[in-house]
Amino acid sequence: MTAHSPEARLAAAGFTVPEVSSPRGSYAPYRAVEVGPSRWVSIAGQVCRQQGVAMAGQCQSEADVEPARRAAEVSMLNALAALRVAADGELSRVIQIVRLRGFIRAAPDFTHHPAVLDAASAVLRTAFPDQALPARSALGVTSLPDGAWTEIEIDAVVMTD
């Protein structure tokens, strides 16, 4: 890890990219497709698990935004862990994060989805300060695995050798 790597920038901000977790079903943590001189990578949904335990909760009011934002950060770090594996172990090989989809476990009348997902976007901005922010969707859902607050998917373009 160099002093200017995405991992170093994240560490300086107090974040740690964990080891990628094993899938809890019949799917791959990522799928990569060669596209010309680069690789399109799609990361499977990553919930806010720490050491295998989901941060459980549901957004019901504005008071729930802060804990849900922390969960969105953890989901993003888990997504970056899978992306690091897809990028041959180096996040510095990421050319661009293209798309961010965030699912927030929320009550039907909760309306602050973008504020929750802004925390995940901030993690990306820390890791990749020179990249444009990705296209993004912030969706409220009634249920997520293990009652998790958030689940995040990302698509990226990665440099090949």
C-alpha atoms as a PDB file:
ATOM      1  CA  MET A   1       0.000   0.000   0.000  1.00  0.00           C
ATOM      2  CA  THR A   2       1.538   3.291  -1.083  1.00  0.00           C
ATOM      3  CA  ALA A   3       1.044   6.553   0.798  1.00  0.00           C
ATOM      4  CA  HIS A   4      -1.330   7.764  -1.919  1.00  0.00           C
ATOM      5  CA  SER A   5      -3.299   4.568  -2.496  1.00  0.00           C
ATOM      6  CA  PRO A   6      -7.063   4.448  -1.945  1.00  0.00           C
ATOM      7  CA  GLU A   7      -6.466   2.147   1.044  1.00  0.00           C
ATOM      8  CA  ALA A   8      -4.012   4.677   2.576  1.00  0.00           C
ATOM      9  CA  ARG A   9      -6.470   7.543   2.076  1.00  0.00           C
ATOM     10  CA  LEU A  10      -9.208   5.474   3.718  1.00  0.00           C
ATOM     11  CA  ALA A  11      -6.935   4.521   6.617  1.00  0.00           C
ATOM     12  CA  ALA A  12      -5.999   8.181   7.147  1.00  0.00           C
ATOM     13  CA  ALA A  13      -9.725   8.937   7.433  1.00  0.00           C
ATOM     14  CA  GLY A  14     -10.196   6.138  10.000  1.00  0.00           C
ATOM     15  CA  PHE A  15     -11.629   3.499   7.663  1.00  0.00           C
ATOM     16  CA  THR A  16     -10.370  -0.049   7.129  1.00  0.00           C
ATOM     17  CA  VAL A  17     -11.191  -2.138   4.077  1.00  0.00           C
ATOM     18  CA  PRO A  18     -11.947  -5.584   5.529  1.00  0.00           C
ATOM     19  CA  GLU A  19     -11.242  -8.959   3.993  1.00  0.00           C
ATOM     20  CA  VAL A  20     -13.923  -9.942   1.512  1.00  0.00           C
ATOM     21  CA  SER A  21     -16.638 -12.075   3.080  1.00  0.00           C
ATOM     22  CA  SER A  22     -17.797 -15.388   1.698  1.00  0.00           C
ATOM     23  CA  PRO A  23     -21.125 -15.357  -0.151  1.00  0.00           C
ATOM     24  CA  ARG A  24     -24.106 -16.488   1.900  1.00  0.00           C
ATOM     25  CA  GLY A  25     -25.879 -18.023  -1.079  1.00  0.00           C
ATOM     26  CA  SER A  26     -25.437 -19.157  -4.655  1.00  0.00           C
ATOM     27  CA  TYR A  27     -23.730 -16.123  -6.157  1.00  0.00           C
ATOM     28  CA  ALA A  28     -20.268 -14.673  -6.721  1.00  0.00           C
ATOM     29  CA  PRO A  29     -19.051 -11.622  -4.753  1.00  0.00           C
ATOM     30  CA  TYR A  30     -18.260  -9.995  -8.102  1.00  0.00           C
ATOM     31  CA  ARG A  31     -18.354 -10.610 -11.823  1.00  0.00           C
ATOM     32  CA  ALA A  32     -15.812  -9.092 -14.214  1.00  0.00           C
ATOM     33  CA  VAL A  33     -16.047  -8.814 -17.988  1.00  0.00           C
ATOM     34  CA  GLU A  34     -13.162  -7.771 -20.219  1.00  0.00           C
ATOM     35  CA  VAL A  35     -14.093  -4.667 -22.220  1.00  0.00           C
ATOM     36  CA  GLY A  36     -11.279  -3.601 -24.513  1.00  0.00           C
ATOM     37  CA  PRO A  37      -8.206  -2.684 -22.466  1.00  0.00           C
ATOM     38  CA  SER A  38     -10.122  -2.645 -19.172  1.00  0.00           C
ATOM     39  CA  ARG A  39     -12.509  -4.740 -17.121  1.00  0.00           C
ATOM     40  CA  TRP A  40     -16.120  -3.935 -16.155  1.00  0.00           C
ATOM     41  CA  VAL A  41     -16.720  -5.177 -12.611  1.00  0.00           C
ATOM     42  CA  SER A  42     -20.091  -5.576 -10.944  1.00  0.00           C
ATOM     43  CA  ILE A  43     -20.017  -6.088  -7.170  1.00  0.00           C
ATOM     44  CA  ALA A  44     -22.800  -8.139  -5.584  1.00  0.00           C
ATOM     45  CA  GLY A  45     -24.848  -6.501  -2.840  1.00  0.00           C
ATOM     46  CA  GLN A  46     -22.872  -6.028   0.350  1.00  0.00           C
ATOM     47  CA  VAL A  47     -24.721  -5.524   3.612  1.00  0.00           C
ATOM     48  CA  CYS A  48     -23.303  -3.755   6.640  1.00  0.00           C
ATOM     49  CA  ARG A  49     -21.596  -6.752   8.263  1.00  0.00           C
ATOM     50  CA  GLN A  50     -18.720  -6.423  10.688  1.00  0.00           C
ATOM     51  CA  GLN A  51     -16.925  -9.661  11.542  1.00  0.00           C
ATOM     52  CA  GLY A  52     -19.837 -11.533   9.958  1.00  0.00           C
ATOM     53  CA  VAL A  53     -22.564  -9.824  12.026  1.00  0.00           C
ATOM     54  CA  ALA A  54     -25.025  -7.477  10.358  1.00  0.00           C
ATOM     55  CA  MET A  55     -25.645  -4.040  11.815  1.00  0.00           C
ATOM     56  CA  ALA A  56     -29.410  -4.406  12.180  1.00  0.00           C
ATOM     57  CA  GLY A  57     -31.910  -1.592  12.163  1.00  0.00           C
ATOM     58  CA  GLN A  58     -34.617   0.188  10.241  1.00  0.00           C
ATOM     59  CA  CYS A  59     -34.961   3.851   9.317  1.00  0.00           C
ATOM     60  CA  GLN A  60     -38.224   5.070  10.765  1.00  0.00           C
ATOM     61  CA  SER A  61     -37.506   8.741  11.423  1.00  0.00           C
ATOM     62  CA  GLU A  62     -34.839  11.384  10.967  1.00  0.00           C
ATOM     63  CA  ALA A  63     -33.310  10.188  14.254  1.00  0.00           C
ATOM     64  CA  ASP A  64     -32.273   6.976  12.476  1.00  0.00           C
ATOM     65  CA  VAL A  65     -30.241   8.730   9.772  1.00  0.00           C
ATOM     66  CA  GLU A  66     -26.919   8.752  11.678  1.00  0.00           C
ATOM     67  CA  PRO A  67     -26.787   5.038  12.575  1.00  0.00           C
ATOM     68  CA  ALA A  68     -27.927   4.198   9.048  1.00  0.00           C
ATOM     69  CA  ARG A  69     -25.144   6.418   7.639  1.00  0.00           C
ATOM     70  CA  ARG A  70     -22.579   4.447   9.649  1.00  0.00           C
ATOM     71  CA  ALA A  71     -24.092   1.239   8.272  1.00  0.00           C
ATOM     72  CA  ALA A  72     -23.822   2.658   4.723  1.00  0.00           C
ATOM     73  CA  GLU A  73     -20.118   3.322   5.328  1.00  0.00           C
ATOM     74  CA  VAL A  74     -19.611  -0.291   6.420  1.00  0.00           C
ATOM     75  CA  SER A  75     -21.564  -1.596   3.411  1.00  0.00           C
ATOM     76  CA  MET A  76     -19.372   0.512   1.121  1.00  0.00           C
ATOM     77  CA  LEU A  77     -16.169  -0.743   2.774  1.00  0.00           C
ATOM     78  CA  ASN A  78     -17.409  -4.306   2.254  1.00  0.00           C
ATOM     79  CA  ALA A  79     -18.145  -3.512  -1.408  1.00  0.00           C
ATOM     80  CA  LEU A  80     -14.642  -2.060  -1.763  1.00  0.00           C
ATOM     81  CA  ALA A  81     -13.224  -5.269  -0.264  1.00  0.00           C
ATOM     82  CA  ALA A  82     -14.837  -7.282  -3.070  1.00  0.00           C
ATOM     83  CA  LEU A  83     -13.734  -4.694  -5.625  1.00  0.00           C
ATOM     84  CA  ARG A  84     -10.152  -4.929  -4.367  1.00  0.00           C
ATOM     85  CA  VAL A  85     -10.176  -8.685  -5.053  1.00  0.00           C
ATOM     86  CA  ALA A  86     -11.621  -8.043  -8.533  1.00  0.00           C
ATOM     87  CA  ALA A  87      -8.856  -5.453  -9.115  1.00  0.00           C
ATOM     88  CA  ASP A  88      -6.096  -7.985  -8.470  1.00  0.00           C
ATOM     89  CA  GLY A  89      -5.643  -6.841  -4.861  1.00  0.00           C
ATOM     90  CA  GLU A  90      -5.140  -3.120  -5.579  1.00  0.00           C
ATOM     91  CA  LEU A  91      -7.859  -0.484  -5.426  1.00  0.00           C
ATOM     92  CA  SER A  92      -5.440   1.821  -7.245  1.00  0.00           C
ATOM     93  CA  ARG A  93      -6.326  -0.175 -10.397  1.00  0.00           C
ATOM     94  CA  VAL A  94      -9.880   1.224 -10.278  1.00  0.00           C
ATOM     95  CA  ILE A  95     -10.326   3.669 -13.147  1.00  0.00           C
ATOM     96  CA  GLN A  96     -13.864   4.753 -12.238  1.00  0.00           C
ATOM     97  CA  ILE A  97     -16.730   3.753  -9.968  1.00  0.00           C
ATOM     98  CA  VAL A  98     -19.587   4.028 -12.458  1.00  0.00           C
ATOM     99  CA  ARG A  99     -22.719   3.146 -10.484  1.00  0.00           C
ATOM    100  CA  LEU A 100     -23.754   2.976  -6.828  1.00  0.00           C
ATOM    101  CA  ARG A 101     -27.020   1.359  -5.767  1.00  0.00           C
ATOM    102  CA  GLY A 102     -28.000   1.645  -2.139  1.00  0.00           C
ATOM    103  CA  PHE A 103     -30.835  -0.175  -0.457  1.00  0.00           C
ATOM    104  CA  ILE A 104     -31.942   1.226   2.894  1.00  0.00           C
ATOM    105  CA  ARG A 105     -34.208  -0.768   5.187  1.00  0.00           C
ATOM    106  CA  ALA A 106     -36.880   1.796   5.931  1.00  0.00           C
ATOM    107  CA  ALA A 107     -40.440   2.344   7.072  1.00  0.00           C
ATOM    108  CA  PRO A 108     -42.852   3.367   4.298  1.00  0.00           C
ATOM    109  CA  ASP A 109     -42.938   7.028   5.370  1.00  0.00           C
ATOM    110  CA  PHE A 110     -39.144   7.475   5.714  1.00  0.00           C
ATOM    111  CA  THR A 111     -37.875   9.977   3.125  1.00  0.00           C
ATOM    112  CA  HIS A 112     -34.196  10.619   3.941  1.00  0.00           C
ATOM    113  CA  HIS A 113     -32.687   7.861   1.766  1.00  0.00           C
ATOM    114  CA  PRO A 114     -30.255  10.209  -0.038  1.00  0.00           C
ATOM    115  CA  ALA A 115     -28.862  11.477   3.296  1.00  0.00           C
ATOM    116  CA  VAL A 116     -28.123   7.906   4.360  1.00  0.00           C
ATOM    117  CA  LEU A 117     -26.438   7.013   1.085  1.00  0.00           C
ATOM    118  CA  ASP A 118     -24.395  10.228   1.103  1.00  0.00           C
ATOM    119  CA  ALA A 119     -22.186   8.492   3.702  1.00  0.00           C
ATOM    120  CA  ALA A 120     -21.322   5.749   1.186  1.00  0.00           C
ATOM    121  CA  SER A 121     -20.582   8.390  -1.450  1.00  0.00           C
ATOM    122  CA  ALA A 122     -18.275  10.131   1.042  1.00  0.00           C
ATOM    123  CA  VAL A 123     -16.286   6.904   1.470  1.00  0.00           C
ATOM    124  CA  LEU A 124     -15.859   6.755  -2.307  1.00  0.00           C
ATOM    125  CA  ARG A 125     -14.798  10.413  -2.401  1.00  0.00           C
ATOM    126  CA  THR A 126     -12.162   9.653   0.265  1.00  0.00           C
ATOM    127  CA  ALA A 127     -10.813   6.618  -1.592  1.00  0.00           C
ATOM    128  CA  PHE A 128     -10.966   8.119  -5.080  1.00  0.00           C
ATOM    129  CA  PRO A 129     -10.818  11.927  -4.733  1.00  0.00           C
ATOM    130  CA  ASP A 130      -9.978  12.519  -8.398  1.00  0.00           C
ATOM    131  CA  GLN A 131     -12.875  10.489  -9.779  1.00  0.00           C
ATOM    132  CA  ALA A 132     -16.282  11.885 -10.619  1.00  0.00           C
ATOM    133  CA  LEU A 133     -18.988  10.609  -8.318  1.00  0.00           C
ATOM    134  CA  PRO A 134     -20.932   7.660  -9.764  1.00  0.00           C
ATOM    135  CA  ALA A 135     -24.518   7.582 -10.913  1.00  0.00           C
ATOM    136  CA  ARG A 136     -26.573   6.589  -7.902  1.00  0.00           C
ATOM    137  CA  SER A 137     -29.886   5.163  -6.761  1.00  0.00           C
ATOM    138  CA  ALA A 138     -31.062   5.334  -3.133  1.00  0.00           C
ATOM    139  CA  LEU A 139     -33.933   2.935  -2.560  1.00  0.00           C
ATOM    140  CA  GLY A 140     -36.033   2.182   0.491  1.00  0.00           C
ATOM    141  CA  VAL A 141     -36.895  -1.476   1.059  1.00  0.00           C
ATOM    142  CA  THR A 142     -38.869  -3.284   3.739  1.00  0.00           C
ATOM    143  CA  SER A 143     -36.403  -6.110   4.328  1.00  0.00           C
ATOM    144  CA  LEU A 144     -32.686  -6.867   3.963  1.00  0.00           C
ATOM    145  CA  PRO A 145     -30.656  -9.957   4.967  1.00  0.00           C
ATOM    146  CA  ASP A 146     -30.376 -10.382   8.747  1.00  0.00           C
ATOM    147  CA  GLY A 147     -32.336  -7.164   9.300  1.00  0.00           C
ATOM    148  CA  ALA A 148     -29.401  -5.056   8.053  1.00  0.00           C
ATOM    149  CA  TRP A 149     -29.758  -1.277   7.769  1.00  0.00           C
ATOM    150  CA  THR A 150     -28.174  -1.116   4.300  1.00  0.00           C
ATOM    151  CA  GLU A 151     -27.004  -3.053   1.263  1.00  0.00           C
ATOM    152  CA  ILE A 152     -24.786  -1.570  -1.455  1.00  0.00           C
ATOM    153  CA  GLU A 153     -23.903  -2.617  -5.007  1.00  0.00           C
ATOM    154  CA  ILE A 154     -21.288  -0.931  -7.168  1.00  0.00           C
ATOM    155  CA  ASP A 155     -20.144  -1.182 -10.773  1.00  0.00           C
ATOM    156  CA  ALA A 156     -16.634  -0.108 -11.731  1.00  0.00           C
ATOM    157  CA  VAL A 157     -14.108  -0.020 -14.536  1.00  0.00           C
ATOM    158  CA  VAL A 158     -10.768  -1.551 -13.575  1.00  0.00           C
ATOM    159  CA  MET A 159      -7.399  -1.427 -15.299  1.00  0.00           C
ATOM    160  CA  THR A 160      -6.089  -4.702 -16.750  1.00  0.00           C
ATOM    161  CA  ASP A 161      -2.447  -5.572 -17.352  1.00  0.00           C
END
